[in-house]
């Protein structure tokens, strides 16, 4: 079958829509999972590490944790 320009345009539009919808779905899922990740990290730091310790102690833990995470995973963990 030979595609005529009109058929090619329709096919392109339909495939473009599929790609756009998939990208949107991926973005929503990534954002939701990132939010859950940050929430869980904060909860672990607050509950398991900081407890009732002084703020200064907590700052040092955060700095150390940030350095270690950045070394392991790259930028974005400060």
C-alpha atoms as a PDB file:
ATOM      1  CA  UNK A   1       0.000   0.000   0.000  1.00  0.00           C
ATOM      2  CA  UNK A   2       1.314   3.423  -0.917  1.00  0.00           C
ATOM      3  CA  UNK A   3       0.599   6.207   1.553  1.00  0.00           C
ATOM      4  CA  UNK A   4      -0.745   9.365   0.082  1.00  0.00           C
ATOM      5  CA  UNK A   5       0.238  12.658   1.751  1.00  0.00           C
ATOM      6  CA  UNK A   6      -3.165  12.871   3.446  1.00  0.00           C
ATOM      7  CA  UNK A   7      -2.762   9.376   4.938  1.00  0.00           C
ATOM      8  CA  UNK A   8       0.749  10.241   6.102  1.00  0.00           C
ATOM      9  CA  UNK A   9      -0.509  13.386   7.825  1.00  0.00           C
ATOM     10  CA  UNK A  10      -3.257  11.461   9.603  1.00  0.00           C
ATOM     11  CA  UNK A  11      -0.826   8.738  10.658  1.00  0.00           C
ATOM     12  CA  UNK A  12       1.659  11.338  11.886  1.00  0.00           C
ATOM     13  CA  UNK A  13      -1.045  13.130  13.883  1.00  0.00           C
ATOM     14  CA  UNK A  14      -2.245   9.909  15.496  1.00  0.00           C
ATOM     15  CA  UNK A  15       1.279   8.793  16.429  1.00  0.00           C
ATOM     16  CA  UNK A  16       2.102  12.274  17.716  1.00  0.00           C
ATOM     17  CA  UNK A  17      -0.995  12.143  19.927  1.00  0.00           C
ATOM     18  CA  UNK A  18       0.062   8.735  21.296  1.00  0.00           C
ATOM     19  CA  UNK A  19       3.521  10.076  22.119  1.00  0.00           C
ATOM     20  CA  UNK A  20       2.122  13.243  23.724  1.00  0.00           C
ATOM     21  CA  UNK A  21      -0.326  11.244  25.863  1.00  0.00           C
ATOM     22  CA  UNK A  22       2.393   8.811  26.964  1.00  0.00           C
ATOM     23  CA  UNK A  23       4.718  11.671  27.882  1.00  0.00           C
ATOM     24  CA  UNK A  24       1.976  13.321  29.918  1.00  0.00           C
ATOM     25  CA  UNK A  25       1.239  10.078  31.749  1.00  0.00           C
ATOM     26  CA  UNK A  26       4.940   9.543  32.438  1.00  0.00           C
ATOM     27  CA  UNK A  27       5.303  13.090  33.790  1.00  0.00           C
ATOM     28  CA  UNK A  28       2.354  12.622  36.157  1.00  0.00           C
ATOM     29  CA  UNK A  29       3.699   9.304  37.440  1.00  0.00           C
ATOM     30  CA  UNK A  30       7.238  10.657  37.867  1.00  0.00           C
ATOM     31  CA  UNK A  31       5.969  13.722  39.739  1.00  0.00           C
ATOM     32  CA  UNK A  32       3.815  11.602  42.043  1.00  0.00           C
ATOM     33  CA  UNK A  33       6.643   9.175  42.798  1.00  0.00           C
ATOM     34  CA  UNK A  34       9.120  12.017  43.359  1.00  0.00           C
ATOM     35  CA  UNK A  35       6.727  13.659  45.810  1.00  0.00           C
ATOM     36  CA  UNK A  36       6.303  10.363  47.690  1.00  0.00           C
ATOM     37  CA  UNK A  37      10.072   9.867  47.727  1.00  0.00           C
ATOM     38  CA  UNK A  38      10.736  13.318  49.203  1.00  0.00           C
ATOM     39  CA  UNK A  39       7.958  12.840  51.755  1.00  0.00           C
ATOM     40  CA  UNK A  40       9.394   9.482  52.828  1.00  0.00           C
ATOM     41  CA  UNK A  41      12.920  10.895  53.053  1.00  0.00           C
ATOM     42  CA  UNK A  42      11.695  13.751  55.236  1.00  0.00           C
ATOM     43  CA  UNK A  43       9.683  11.413  57.403  1.00  0.00           C
ATOM     44  CA  UNK A  44      12.673   9.082  57.924  1.00  0.00           C
ATOM     45  CA  UNK A  45      14.964  11.980  58.790  1.00  0.00           C
ATOM     46  CA  UNK A  46      12.438  13.448  61.205  1.00  0.00           C
ATOM     47  CA  UNK A  47      11.400  10.195  62.869  1.00  0.00           C
ATOM     48  CA  UNK A  48      14.508   8.020  62.802  1.00  0.00           C
ATOM     49  CA  UNK A  49      17.383  10.493  62.848  1.00  0.00           C
ATOM     50  CA  UNK A  50      16.378  13.780  64.432  1.00  0.00           C
ATOM     51  CA  UNK A  51      13.928  12.544  67.053  1.00  0.00           C
ATOM     52  CA  UNK A  52      14.115  15.174  69.783  1.00  0.00           C
ATOM     53  CA  UNK A  53      17.688  16.245  69.096  1.00  0.00           C
ATOM     54  CA  UNK A  54      18.837  19.834  68.883  1.00  0.00           C
ATOM     55  CA  UNK A  55      18.507  21.698  65.604  1.00  0.00           C
ATOM     56  CA  UNK A  56      22.297  22.053  65.222  1.00  0.00           C
ATOM     57  CA  UNK A  57      22.756  18.293  65.458  1.00  0.00           C
ATOM     58  CA  UNK A  58      20.101  17.860  62.779  1.00  0.00           C
ATOM     59  CA  UNK A  59      21.819  20.356  60.475  1.00  0.00           C
ATOM     60  CA  UNK A  60      25.039  18.332  60.602  1.00  0.00           C
ATOM     61  CA  UNK A  61      23.184  15.117  59.837  1.00  0.00           C
ATOM     62  CA  UNK A  62      21.469  16.752  56.868  1.00  0.00           C
ATOM     63  CA  UNK A  63      24.781  18.096  55.513  1.00  0.00           C
ATOM     64  CA  UNK A  64      26.433  14.702  55.828  1.00  0.00           C
ATOM     65  CA  UNK A  65      23.466  12.888  54.315  1.00  0.00           C
ATOM     66  CA  UNK A  66      23.362  15.411  51.474  1.00  0.00           C
ATOM     67  CA  UNK A  67      27.055  14.889  50.666  1.00  0.00           C
ATOM     68  CA  UNK A  68      26.673  11.116  50.661  1.00  0.00           C
ATOM     69  CA  UNK A  69      23.537  11.152  48.505  1.00  0.00           C
ATOM     70  CA  UNK A  70      25.120  13.600  46.046  1.00  0.00           C
ATOM     71  CA  UNK A  71      28.190  11.374  45.710  1.00  0.00           C
ATOM     72  CA  UNK A  72      25.979   8.363  45.094  1.00  0.00           C
ATOM     73  CA  UNK A  73      23.246   9.878  42.880  1.00  0.00           C
ATOM     74  CA  UNK A  74      24.606  13.193  41.550  1.00  0.00           C
ATOM     75  CA  UNK A  75      23.154  16.689  41.920  1.00  0.00           C
ATOM     76  CA  UNK A  76      19.798  17.393  43.503  1.00  0.00           C
ATOM     77  CA  UNK A  77      20.266  16.070  47.037  1.00  0.00           C
ATOM     78  CA  UNK A  78      21.342  19.177  48.896  1.00  0.00           C
END
